C-alpha atoms as a PDB file:
ATOM      1  CA  UNK A   1     -12.005 -13.617  -8.222  1.00  0.00           C
ATOM      2  CA  UNK A   2     -13.383 -11.471 -11.033  1.00  0.00           C
ATOM      3  CA  UNK A   3     -16.061 -10.143  -8.651  1.00  0.00           C
ATOM      4  CA  UNK A   4     -13.341  -9.130  -6.161  1.00  0.00           C
ATOM      5  CA  UNK A   5     -11.363  -7.335  -8.885  1.00  0.00           C
ATOM      6  CA  UNK A   6     -14.555  -5.562  -9.936  1.00  0.00           C
ATOM      7  CA  UNK A   7     -15.096  -4.447  -6.338  1.00  0.00           C
ATOM      8  CA  UNK A   8     -11.523  -3.153  -6.277  1.00  0.00           C
ATOM      9  CA  UNK A   9     -12.114  -1.031  -9.376  1.00  0.00           C
ATOM     10  CA  UNK A  10     -15.339   0.342  -7.867  1.00  0.00           C
ATOM     11  CA  UNK A  11     -13.398   1.322  -4.719  1.00  0.00           C
ATOM     12  CA  UNK A  12     -10.732   3.040  -6.831  1.00  0.00           C
ATOM     13  CA  UNK A  13     -13.352   5.018  -8.782  1.00  0.00           C
ATOM     14  CA  UNK A  14     -15.215   5.975  -5.593  1.00  0.00           C
ATOM     15  CA  UNK A  15     -11.919   7.285  -4.178  1.00  0.00           C
ATOM     16  CA  UNK A  16     -11.207   9.292  -7.334  1.00  0.00           C
ATOM     17  CA  UNK A  17     -14.653  10.918  -7.467  1.00  0.00           C
ATOM     18  CA  UNK A  18     -14.598  11.596  -3.710  1.00  0.00           C
ATOM     19  CA  UNK A  19     -11.215  13.314  -3.946  1.00  0.00           C
ATOM     20  CA  UNK A  20     -12.425  15.539  -6.777  1.00  0.00           C
ATOM     21  CA  UNK A  21     -15.516  16.624  -4.810  1.00  0.00           C
ATOM     22  CA  UNK A  22     -13.581  17.165  -1.568  1.00  0.00           C
ATOM     23  CA  UNK A  23     -10.911  19.202  -3.364  1.00  0.00           C
ATOM     24  CA  UNK A  24     -13.534  21.595  -4.705  1.00  0.00           C
ATOM     25  CA  UNK A  25     -15.354  21.848  -1.348  1.00  0.00           C
ATOM     26  CA  UNK A  26     -12.237  22.381   0.818  1.00  0.00           C
ATOM     27  CA  UNK A  27     -10.455  24.892  -1.398  1.00  0.00           C
ATOM     28  CA  UNK A  28     -13.642  26.887  -2.042  1.00  0.00           C
ATOM     29  CA  UNK A  29     -14.607  27.070   1.644  1.00  0.00           C
ATOM     30  CA  UNK A  30     -10.985  27.592   2.736  1.00  0.00           C
ATOM     31  CA  UNK A  31     -10.481  30.540   0.383  1.00  0.00           C
ATOM     32  CA  UNK A  32     -13.867  32.132   1.139  1.00  0.00           C
ATOM     33  CA  UNK A  33     -13.409  31.907   4.913  1.00  0.00           C
ATOM     34  CA  UNK A  34      -9.602  32.265   5.189  1.00  0.00           C
ATOM     35  CA  UNK A  35      -8.798  28.834   6.660  1.00  0.00           C
ATOM     36  CA  UNK A  36      -5.136  27.999   5.982  1.00  0.00           C
ATOM     37  CA  UNK A  37      -5.431  24.401   7.164  1.00  0.00           C
ATOM     38  CA  UNK A  38      -8.529  23.828   5.003  1.00  0.00           C
ATOM     39  CA  UNK A  39      -6.857  25.323   1.903  1.00  0.00           C
ATOM     40  CA  UNK A  40      -3.766  23.201   2.535  1.00  0.00           C
ATOM     41  CA  UNK A  41      -5.927  20.112   3.063  1.00  0.00           C
ATOM     42  CA  UNK A  42      -7.776  20.914  -0.164  1.00  0.00           C
ATOM     43  CA  UNK A  43      -4.494  21.224  -2.052  1.00  0.00           C
ATOM     44  CA  UNK A  44      -3.507  17.840  -0.655  1.00  0.00           C
ATOM     45  CA  UNK A  45      -6.808  16.449  -1.928  1.00  0.00           C
ATOM     46  CA  UNK A  46      -5.970  17.930  -5.336  1.00  0.00           C
ATOM     47  CA  UNK A  47      -2.797  15.839  -5.312  1.00  0.00           C
ATOM     48  CA  UNK A  48      -4.953  12.889  -4.207  1.00  0.00           C
ATOM     49  CA  UNK A  49      -6.931  13.241  -7.440  1.00  0.00           C
ATOM     50  CA  UNK A  50      -3.731  12.495  -9.383  1.00  0.00           C
ATOM     51  CA  UNK A  51      -2.888   9.634  -7.012  1.00  0.00           C
ATOM     52  CA  UNK A  52      -6.391   8.123  -7.292  1.00  0.00           C
ATOM     53  CA  UNK A  53      -6.291   8.399 -11.083  1.00  0.00           C
ATOM     54  CA  UNK A  54      -2.925   6.613 -11.051  1.00  0.00           C
ATOM     55  CA  UNK A  55      -4.435   3.862  -8.880  1.00  0.00           C
ATOM     56  CA  UNK A  56      -7.368   3.387 -11.261  1.00  0.00           C
ATOM     57  CA  UNK A  57      -5.007   3.142 -14.226  1.00  0.00           C
ATOM     58  CA  UNK A  58      -2.572   0.827 -12.459  1.00  0.00           C
ATOM     59  CA  UNK A  59      -5.325  -1.559 -11.353  1.00  0.00           C
ATOM     60  CA  UNK A  60      -6.594  -1.802 -14.916  1.00  0.00           C
ATOM     61  CA  UNK A  61      -3.073  -2.588 -16.131  1.00  0.00           C
ATOM     62  CA  UNK A  62      -2.215  -5.029 -13.325  1.00  0.00           C
ATOM     63  CA  UNK A  63      -5.333  -7.102 -14.038  1.00  0.00           C
ATOM     64  CA  UNK A  64      -4.125  -7.882 -17.557  1.00  0.00           C
ATOM     65  CA  UNK A  65      -2.914 -11.455 -18.077  1.00  0.00           C
ATOM     66  CA  UNK A  66       0.740 -12.266 -18.769  1.00  0.00           C
ATOM     67  CA  UNK A  67       1.776 -11.746 -22.389  1.00  0.00           C
ATOM     68  CA  UNK A  68       4.855 -12.157 -24.586  1.00  0.00           C
ATOM     69  CA  UNK A  69       6.410  -8.877 -23.430  1.00  0.00           C
ATOM     70  CA  UNK A  70       5.446  -9.339 -19.757  1.00  0.00           C
ATOM     71  CA  UNK A  71       5.620 -13.086 -19.026  1.00  0.00           C
ATOM     72  CA  UNK A  72       5.362 -12.524 -15.255  1.00  0.00           C
ATOM     73  CA  UNK A  73       2.214 -10.421 -15.567  1.00  0.00           C
ATOM     74  CA  UNK A  74       1.622  -6.717 -14.947  1.00  0.00           C
ATOM     75  CA  UNK A  75       1.334  -6.740 -11.147  1.00  0.00           C
ATOM     76  CA  UNK A  76       4.084  -4.180 -10.556  1.00  0.00           C
ATOM     77  CA  UNK A  77       1.945  -1.479 -12.177  1.00  0.00           C
ATOM     78  CA  UNK A  78       0.210  -1.132  -8.802  1.00  0.00           C
ATOM     79  CA  UNK A  79       3.559  -0.816  -7.029  1.00  0.00           C
ATOM     80  CA  UNK A  80       4.541   2.028  -9.360  1.00  0.00           C
ATOM     81  CA  UNK A  81       1.246   3.758  -8.535  1.00  0.00           C
ATOM     82  CA  UNK A  82       1.971   3.255  -4.835  1.00  0.00           C
ATOM     83  CA  UNK A  83       5.387   4.888  -5.321  1.00  0.00           C
ATOM     84  CA  UNK A  84       3.724   7.837  -7.066  1.00  0.00           C
ATOM     85  CA  UNK A  85       1.277   8.239  -4.175  1.00  0.00           C
ATOM     86  CA  UNK A  86       4.207   8.256  -1.707  1.00  0.00           C
ATOM     87  CA  UNK A  87       5.952  11.013  -3.678  1.00  0.00           C
ATOM     88  CA  UNK A  88       2.753  13.041  -3.865  1.00  0.00           C
ATOM     89  CA  UNK A  89       2.301  12.723  -0.097  1.00  0.00           C
ATOM     90  CA  UNK A  90       5.858  13.968   0.502  1.00  0.00           C
ATOM     91  CA  UNK A  91       5.131  17.005  -1.683  1.00  0.00           C
ATOM     92  CA  UNK A  92       1.822  17.534   0.150  1.00  0.00           C
ATOM     93  CA  UNK A  93       3.572  17.360   3.534  1.00  0.00           C
ATOM     94  CA  UNK A  94       6.099  20.006   2.477  1.00  0.00           C
ATOM     95  CA  UNK A  95       3.331  22.245   1.084  1.00  0.00           C
ATOM     96  CA  UNK A  96       1.162  21.949   4.208  1.00  0.00           C
ATOM     97  CA  UNK A  97       4.155  22.684   6.475  1.00  0.00           C
ATOM     98  CA  UNK A  98       5.170  25.727   4.397  1.00  0.00           C
ATOM     99  CA  UNK A  99       1.680  27.218   4.310  1.00  0.00           C
ATOM    100  CA  UNK A 100       1.107  26.590   8.011  1.00  0.00           C
ATOM    101  CA  UNK A 101       4.453  28.074   9.126  1.00  0.00           C
ATOM    102  CA  UNK A 102       3.854  31.079   6.878  1.00  0.00           C
ATOM    103  CA  UNK A 103       0.436  31.585   8.499  1.00  0.00           C
ATOM    104  CA  UNK A 104       2.037  31.744  11.958  1.00  0.00           C
ATOM    105  CA  UNK A 105       3.768  34.980  10.983  1.00  0.00           C
ATOM    106  CA  UNK A 106       0.611  36.578   9.620  1.00  0.00           C
ATOM    107  CA  UNK A 107      -2.243  38.192  11.580  1.00  0.00           C
ATOM    108  CA  UNK A 108      -4.712  35.470  12.672  1.00  0.00           C
ATOM    109  CA  UNK A 109      -7.681  35.068  10.362  1.00  0.00           C
ATOM    110  CA  UNK A 110     -11.269  34.936  11.534  1.00  0.00           C
ATOM    111  CA  UNK A 111     -12.595  31.381  11.874  1.00  0.00           C
ATOM    112  CA  UNK A 112     -16.025  30.540  10.497  1.00  0.00           C
ATOM    113  CA  UNK A 113     -18.451  27.754  11.391  1.00  0.00           C
ATOM    114  CA  UNK A 114     -18.940  26.864   7.693  1.00  0.00           C
ATOM    115  CA  UNK A 115     -15.250  25.936   7.510  1.00  0.00           C
ATOM    116  CA  UNK A 116     -15.784  23.738  10.574  1.00  0.00           C
ATOM    117  CA  UNK A 117     -18.717  21.955   8.912  1.00  0.00           C
ATOM    118  CA  UNK A 118     -16.687  21.379   5.730  1.00  0.00           C
ATOM    119  CA  UNK A 119     -13.842  19.875   7.780  1.00  0.00           C
ATOM    120  CA  UNK A 120     -16.279  17.639   9.715  1.00  0.00           C
ATOM    121  CA  UNK A 121     -17.868  16.367   6.486  1.00  0.00           C
ATOM    122  CA  UNK A 122     -14.416  15.571   5.114  1.00  0.00           C
ATOM    123  CA  UNK A 123     -13.403  13.800   8.340  1.00  0.00           C
ATOM    124  CA  UNK A 124     -16.418  11.478   8.377  1.00  0.00           C
ATOM    125  CA  UNK A 125     -16.330  10.898   4.619  1.00  0.00           C
ATOM    126  CA  UNK A 126     -12.642   9.990   4.589  1.00  0.00           C
ATOM    127  CA  UNK A 127     -12.913   7.742   7.657  1.00  0.00           C
ATOM    128  CA  UNK A 128     -15.624   5.701   5.916  1.00  0.00           C
ATOM    129  CA  UNK A 129     -13.540   5.540   2.719  1.00  0.00           C
ATOM    130  CA  UNK A 130     -10.424   4.503   4.680  1.00  0.00           C
ATOM    131  CA  UNK A 131     -12.132   1.567   6.429  1.00  0.00           C
ATOM    132  CA  UNK A 132     -13.801   0.432   3.187  1.00  0.00           C
ATOM    133  CA  UNK A 133     -10.670   0.736   1.022  1.00  0.00           C
ATOM    134  CA  UNK A 134      -8.177  -0.809   3.467  1.00  0.00           C
ATOM    135  CA  UNK A 135     -10.403  -3.824   4.109  1.00  0.00           C
ATOM    136  CA  UNK A 136     -10.806  -4.455   0.379  1.00  0.00           C
ATOM    137  CA  UNK A 137      -7.099  -3.820  -0.336  1.00  0.00           C
ATOM    138  CA  UNK A 138      -6.038  -6.464   2.192  1.00  0.00           C
ATOM    139  CA  UNK A 139      -8.553  -8.938   0.805  1.00  0.00           C
ATOM    140  CA  UNK A 140      -7.257  -8.436  -2.754  1.00  0.00           C
ATOM    141  CA  UNK A 141      -3.610  -7.869  -1.697  1.00  0.00           C
ATOM    142  CA  UNK A 142      -3.719  -4.782  -3.937  1.00  0.00           C
ATOM    143  CA  UNK A 143      -0.753  -2.431  -3.491  1.00  0.00           C
ATOM    144  CA  UNK A 144      -2.452   0.361  -5.415  1.00  0.00           C
ATOM    145  CA  UNK A 145      -5.643   0.131  -3.367  1.00  0.00           C
ATOM    146  CA  UNK A 146      -3.617  -0.135  -0.149  1.00  0.00           C
ATOM    147  CA  UNK A 147      -1.802   3.088  -1.059  1.00  0.00           C
ATOM    148  CA  UNK A 148      -5.163   4.761  -1.673  1.00  0.00           C
ATOM    149  CA  UNK A 149      -6.358   3.531   1.726  1.00  0.00           C
ATOM    150  CA  UNK A 150      -3.315   5.025   3.470  1.00  0.00           C
ATOM    151  CA  UNK A 151      -3.930   8.211   1.523  1.00  0.00           C
ATOM    152  CA  UNK A 152      -7.452   8.310   2.959  1.00  0.00           C
ATOM    153  CA  UNK A 153      -5.953   7.837   6.436  1.00  0.00           C
ATOM    154  CA  UNK A 154      -3.731  10.869   5.857  1.00  0.00           C
ATOM    155  CA  UNK A 155      -6.855  12.810   4.919  1.00  0.00           C
ATOM    156  CA  UNK A 156      -8.517  11.666   8.148  1.00  0.00           C
ATOM    157  CA  UNK A 157      -5.584  13.159  10.073  1.00  0.00           C
ATOM    158  CA  UNK A 158      -5.647  16.320   7.981  1.00  0.00           C
ATOM    159  CA  UNK A 159      -9.396  16.793   8.326  1.00  0.00           C
ATOM    160  CA  UNK A 160      -9.194  16.063  12.054  1.00  0.00           C
ATOM    161  CA  UNK A 161      -6.516  18.726  12.386  1.00  0.00           C
ATOM    162  CA  UNK A 162      -8.705  21.138  10.409  1.00  0.00           C
ATOM    163  CA  UNK A 163     -11.626  20.447  12.757  1.00  0.00           C
ATOM    164  CA  UNK A 164      -9.404  21.100  15.784  1.00  0.00           C
ATOM    165  CA  UNK A 165      -7.766  24.170  14.249  1.00  0.00           C
ATOM    166  CA  UNK A 166     -10.989  25.845  13.111  1.00  0.00           C
ATOM    167  CA  UNK A 167     -12.732  24.796  16.319  1.00  0.00           C
ATOM    168  CA  UNK A 168     -10.013  26.386  18.452  1.00  0.00           C
ATOM    169  CA  UNK A 169     -10.268  29.533  16.337  1.00  0.00           C
ATOM    170  CA  UNK A 170     -14.018  29.722  16.939  1.00  0.00           C
ATOM    171  CA  UNK A 171     -13.531  29.192  20.684  1.00  0.00           C
ATOM    172  CA  UNK A 172     -10.836  31.879  20.725  1.00  0.00           C
ATOM    173  CA  UNK A 173     -13.144  34.347  18.992  1.00  0.00           C
ATOM    174  CA  UNK A 174     -16.050  33.613  21.306  1.00  0.00           C
ATOM    175  CA  UNK A 175     -14.037  33.869  24.526  1.00  0.00           C
ATOM    176  CA  UNK A 176     -11.565  36.458  23.195  1.00  0.00           C
ATOM    177  CA  UNK A 177      -8.499  34.189  23.507  1.00  0.00           C
ATOM    178  CA  UNK A 178      -6.457  35.530  20.613  1.00  0.00           C
ATOM    179  CA  UNK A 179      -3.726  32.890  20.820  1.00  0.00           C
ATOM    180  CA  UNK A 180      -6.280  30.154  20.043  1.00  0.00           C
ATOM    181  CA  UNK A 181      -6.689  31.716  16.589  1.00  0.00           C
ATOM    182  CA  UNK A 182      -3.330  30.164  15.714  1.00  0.00           C
ATOM    183  CA  UNK A 183      -4.732  26.686  16.282  1.00  0.00           C
ATOM    184  CA  UNK A 184      -5.403  26.466  12.541  1.00  0.00           C
ATOM    185  CA  UNK A 185      -1.762  26.755  11.324  1.00  0.00           C
ATOM    186  CA  UNK A 186      -0.361  24.788  14.306  1.00  0.00           C
ATOM    187  CA  UNK A 187      -2.703  21.915  13.417  1.00  0.00           C
ATOM    188  CA  UNK A 188      -1.442  22.145   9.834  1.00  0.00           C
ATOM    189  CA  UNK A 189       2.169  21.685  10.979  1.00  0.00           C
ATOM    190  CA  UNK A 190       1.225  18.600  13.003  1.00  0.00           C
ATOM    191  CA  UNK A 191      -0.592  17.163   9.980  1.00  0.00           C
ATOM    192  CA  UNK A 192       2.448  17.729   7.750  1.00  0.00           C
ATOM    193  CA  UNK A 193       4.571  15.583  10.083  1.00  0.00           C
ATOM    194  CA  UNK A 194       1.973  12.771  10.077  1.00  0.00           C
ATOM    195  CA  UNK A 195       1.662  12.913   6.278  1.00  0.00           C
ATOM    196  CA  UNK A 196       5.432  12.766   5.842  1.00  0.00           C
ATOM    197  CA  UNK A 197       5.720   9.749   8.157  1.00  0.00           C
ATOM    198  CA  UNK A 198       3.068   7.776   6.249  1.00  0.00           C
ATOM    199  CA  UNK A 199       4.662   8.746   2.908  1.00  0.00           C
ATOM    200  CA  UNK A 200       8.045   7.375   4.017  1.00  0.00           C
ATOM    201  CA  UNK A 201       6.464   4.091   5.156  1.00  0.00           C
ATOM    202  CA  UNK A 202       4.585   3.712   1.863  1.00  0.00           C
ATOM    203  CA  UNK A 203       7.660   4.580  -0.193  1.00  0.00           C
ATOM    204  CA  UNK A 204       9.789   2.004   1.653  1.00  0.00           C
ATOM    205  CA  UNK A 205       7.201  -0.744   1.098  1.00  0.00           C
ATOM    206  CA  UNK A 206       6.966   0.069  -2.618  1.00  0.00           C
ATOM    207  CA  UNK A 207      10.760   0.179  -2.954  1.00  0.00           C
ATOM    208  CA  UNK A 208      11.065  -3.229  -1.280  1.00  0.00           C
ATOM    209  CA  UNK A 209       8.745  -4.739  -3.890  1.00  0.00           C
ATOM    210  CA  UNK A 210      10.476  -2.993  -6.804  1.00  0.00           C
ATOM    211  CA  UNK A 211      13.866  -4.222  -5.508  1.00  0.00           C
ATOM    212  CA  UNK A 212      12.341  -7.722  -5.216  1.00  0.00           C
ATOM    213  CA  UNK A 213      12.954  -8.093  -1.509  1.00  0.00           C
ATOM    214  CA  UNK A 214      12.270 -11.576  -0.195  1.00  0.00           C
ATOM    215  CA  UNK A 215       8.880 -12.043   1.458  1.00  0.00           C
ATOM    216  CA  UNK A 216       8.587 -12.478   5.219  1.00  0.00           C
ATOM    217  CA  UNK A 217      10.314 -15.469   6.816  1.00  0.00           C
ATOM    218  CA  UNK A 218       7.095 -16.940   8.231  1.00  0.00           C
ATOM    219  CA  UNK A 219       5.676 -17.440   4.755  1.00  0.00           C
ATOM    220  CA  UNK A 220       8.988 -18.775   3.441  1.00  0.00           C
ATOM    221  CA  UNK A 221       9.169 -21.396   6.173  1.00  0.00           C
ATOM    222  CA  UNK A 222       5.620 -22.474   5.426  1.00  0.00           C
ATOM    223  CA  UNK A 223       6.613 -22.937   1.785  1.00  0.00           C
ATOM    224  CA  UNK A 224       9.548 -25.060   2.986  1.00  0.00           C
ATOM    225  CA  UNK A 225       7.238 -27.262   5.064  1.00  0.00           C
ATOM    226  CA  UNK A 226       4.923 -27.752   2.086  1.00  0.00           C
ATOM    227  CA  UNK A 227       7.808 -28.667  -0.245  1.00  0.00           C
ATOM    228  CA  UNK A 228       9.290 -31.093   2.288  1.00  0.00           C
ATOM    229  CA  UNK A 229       5.915 -32.808   2.642  1.00  0.00           C
ATOM    230  CA  UNK A 230       5.983 -33.839  -1.030  1.00  0.00           C
ATOM    231  CA  UNK A 231       7.139 -37.484  -1.416  1.00  0.00           C
ATOM    232  CA  UNK A 232      10.643 -38.020  -2.873  1.00  0.00           C
ATOM    233  CA  UNK A 233      11.822 -34.476  -2.133  1.00  0.00           C
ATOM    234  CA  UNK A 234      15.142 -35.252  -0.435  1.00  0.00           C
ATOM    235  CA  UNK A 235      16.710 -31.830  -0.217  1.00  0.00           C
ATOM    236  CA  UNK A 236      15.850 -28.137  -0.602  1.00  0.00           C
ATOM    237  CA  UNK A 237      18.744 -26.402  -2.347  1.00  0.00           C
ATOM    238  CA  UNK A 238      17.067 -22.993  -2.627  1.00  0.00           C
ATOM    239  CA  UNK A 239      13.710 -21.442  -1.956  1.00  0.00           C
ATOM    240  CA  UNK A 240      12.951 -17.792  -2.501  1.00  0.00           C
ATOM    241  CA  UNK A 241       9.886 -15.709  -3.280  1.00  0.00           C
ATOM    242  CA  UNK A 242       9.100 -12.135  -4.250  1.00  0.00           C
ATOM    243  CA  UNK A 243       6.040  -9.965  -4.502  1.00  0.00           C
ATOM    244  CA  UNK A 244       5.033  -8.866  -7.976  1.00  0.00           C
ATOM    245  CA  UNK A 245       2.282  -6.416  -7.097  1.00  0.00           C
ATOM    246  CA  UNK A 246      -0.800  -8.205  -5.787  1.00  0.00           C
ATOM    247  CA  UNK A 247       0.645 -11.697  -6.279  1.00  0.00           C
ATOM    248  CA  UNK A 248       3.780 -13.689  -5.379  1.00  0.00           C
ATOM    249  CA  UNK A 249       6.289 -15.590  -7.523  1.00  0.00           C
ATOM    250  CA  UNK A 250       8.114 -18.530  -5.906  1.00  0.00           C
ATOM    251  CA  UNK A 251      11.411 -20.119  -7.055  1.00  0.00           C
ATOM    252  CA  UNK A 252      12.332 -23.586  -5.744  1.00  0.00           C
ATOM    253  CA  UNK A 253      15.348 -25.834  -6.267  1.00  0.00           C
ATOM    254  CA  UNK A 254      15.015 -29.320  -4.821  1.00  0.00           C
ATOM    255  CA  UNK A 255      16.973 -32.551  -4.859  1.00  0.00           C
ATOM    256  CA  UNK A 256      15.150 -35.701  -5.953  1.00  0.00           C
ATOM    257  CA  UNK A 257      16.498 -39.250  -6.421  1.00  0.00           C
ATOM    258  CA  UNK A 258      18.845 -39.218  -9.422  1.00  0.00           C
ATOM    259  CA  UNK A 259      17.536 -42.502 -10.811  1.00  0.00           C
ATOM    260  CA  UNK A 260      14.025 -41.146 -11.411  1.00  0.00           C
ATOM    261  CA  UNK A 261      12.644 -40.668 -14.911  1.00  0.00           C
ATOM    262  CA  UNK A 262      11.784 -37.299 -16.421  1.00  0.00           C
ATOM    263  CA  UNK A 263       8.097 -38.141 -16.020  1.00  0.00           C
ATOM    264  CA  UNK A 264       8.539 -38.883 -12.316  1.00  0.00           C
ATOM    265  CA  UNK A 265      10.428 -35.620 -11.828  1.00  0.00           C
ATOM    266  CA  UNK A 266       7.686 -33.781 -13.682  1.00  0.00           C
ATOM    267  CA  UNK A 267       5.066 -35.294 -11.386  1.00  0.00           C
ATOM    268  CA  UNK A 268       7.028 -34.181  -8.316  1.00  0.00           C
ATOM    269  CA  UNK A 269       7.255 -30.647  -9.729  1.00  0.00           C
ATOM    270  CA  UNK A 270       3.515 -30.552 -10.304  1.00  0.00           C
ATOM    271  CA  UNK A 271       2.858 -31.757  -6.771  1.00  0.00           C
ATOM    272  CA  UNK A 272       5.133 -29.073  -5.288  1.00  0.00           C
ATOM    273  CA  UNK A 273       3.386 -26.395  -7.318  1.00  0.00           C
ATOM    274  CA  UNK A 274      -0.076 -27.695  -6.438  1.00  0.00           C
ATOM    275  CA  UNK A 275       0.745 -27.892  -2.737  1.00  0.00           C
ATOM    276  CA  UNK A 276       2.008 -24.316  -2.491  1.00  0.00           C
ATOM    277  CA  UNK A 277      -0.705 -22.718  -4.642  1.00  0.00           C
ATOM    278  CA  UNK A 278      -3.445 -24.679  -2.897  1.00  0.00           C
ATOM    279  CA  UNK A 279      -2.413 -23.304   0.488  1.00  0.00           C
ATOM    280  CA  UNK A 280      -1.526 -19.783  -0.712  1.00  0.00           C
ATOM    281  CA  UNK A 281      -4.040 -18.195  -3.068  1.00  0.00           C
ATOM    282  CA  UNK A 282      -1.776 -15.157  -3.579  1.00  0.00           C
ATOM    283  CA  UNK A 283       0.917 -17.275  -5.308  1.00  0.00           C
ATOM    284  CA  UNK A 284       0.692 -16.730  -9.064  1.00  0.00           C
ATOM    285  CA  UNK A 285       3.530 -19.001 -10.208  1.00  0.00           C
ATOM    286  CA  UNK A 286       5.953 -21.572  -8.767  1.00  0.00           C
ATOM    287  CA  UNK A 287       9.136 -22.111 -10.791  1.00  0.00           C
ATOM    288  CA  UNK A 288      10.817 -25.427  -9.942  1.00  0.00           C
ATOM    289  CA  UNK A 289      14.294 -26.715 -10.766  1.00  0.00           C
ATOM    290  CA  UNK A 290      15.175 -30.339 -10.013  1.00  0.00           C
ATOM    291  CA  UNK A 291      18.672 -31.469  -8.983  1.00  0.00           C
ATOM    292  CA  UNK A 292      19.783 -35.123  -8.698  1.00  0.00           C
ATOM    293  CA  UNK A 293      20.137 -36.558  -5.189  1.00  0.00           C
ATOM    294  CA  UNK A 294      21.906 -39.781  -4.172  1.00  0.00           C
ATOM    295  CA  UNK A 295      21.814 -41.680  -0.911  1.00  0.00           C
ATOM    296  CA  UNK A 296      25.493 -41.168  -0.076  1.00  0.00           C
ATOM    297  CA  UNK A 297      25.027 -37.364   0.089  1.00  0.00           C
ATOM    298  CA  UNK A 298      24.988 -35.561   3.424  1.00  0.00           C
ATOM    299  CA  UNK A 299      21.610 -33.964   2.852  1.00  0.00           C
ATOM    300  CA  UNK A 300      20.572 -33.512   6.468  1.00  0.00           C
ATOM    301  CA  UNK A 301      22.841 -30.559   7.105  1.00  0.00           C
ATOM    302  CA  UNK A 302      21.934 -29.050   3.734  1.00  0.00           C
ATOM    303  CA  UNK A 303      18.207 -29.215   4.501  1.00  0.00           C
ATOM    304  CA  UNK A 304      18.693 -27.719   7.956  1.00  0.00           C
ATOM    305  CA  UNK A 305      20.767 -24.943   6.423  1.00  0.00           C
ATOM    306  CA  UNK A 306      18.038 -24.139   3.921  1.00  0.00           C
ATOM    307  CA  UNK A 307      15.440 -23.937   6.670  1.00  0.00           C
ATOM    308  CA  UNK A 308      17.492 -21.313   8.458  1.00  0.00           C
ATOM    309  CA  UNK A 309      18.446 -19.393   5.327  1.00  0.00           C
ATOM    310  CA  UNK A 310      16.183 -20.471   2.432  1.00  0.00           C
ATOM    311  CA  UNK A 311      17.620 -17.986  -0.059  1.00  0.00           C
ATOM    312  CA  UNK A 312      21.201 -19.257  -0.014  1.00  0.00           C
END
């Protein structure tokens, strides 16, 4: 587990350093050769530097163990970083759209093959980073790293648009098709829409975690099956779970025979916890409350009800 966390930090640092280098390359080439889409993409990468730095910091914080002030751990630090990335992407989308629309009303600028090479380098570089980061983020269930991966995907779109825009400009110059010179800003507008869409998706996912939305029903029902498989569990009164960054917290209320001793109830609680955590490595804690159950209770309907709506 420590090796995986170390790999996650390496990925975060690689993303940060890459964004710094790409920001310098894109803005420099974009300014020197008058490429609006490349300058806009470089400005977006500048915002990515802040986002990547936030991810590095959040991953360091989220890996800290629970303490007296944060008894549930520090996992939500990554969710906060993910929210910041979403906000930065919204700002980047607005900036790219503004610059691109403004460029449509200006005389077309001359495209240059060096700008095309810079965009191609960025496209390949970011595609590699996206595949690497997303794969690792899903393995670690890291919200911060997942946000960085989606950010790389946005850059893939942006760099692809820059390649198309500059490429169309070069074709227009060679064959004297003046209208193709506007391929650069038109591509920028398309990118702004794609960036905005991804930002909204990321922001919604982060908000769901911060608002402690219940996890998906498939996982909940598997938890129910595991709890019901524990001997002497007669009824599930409540079962709910929430994400806390890269891990999950589960709350369970079950009915057990009322005549049992405290020790027997404790053993049942331990078995419930062991069963869930053994089958779900992303579960950090299982909080269990025991209620007394007696044979004359109508528990069948209660159990069925909990299976349909386990948070009631």
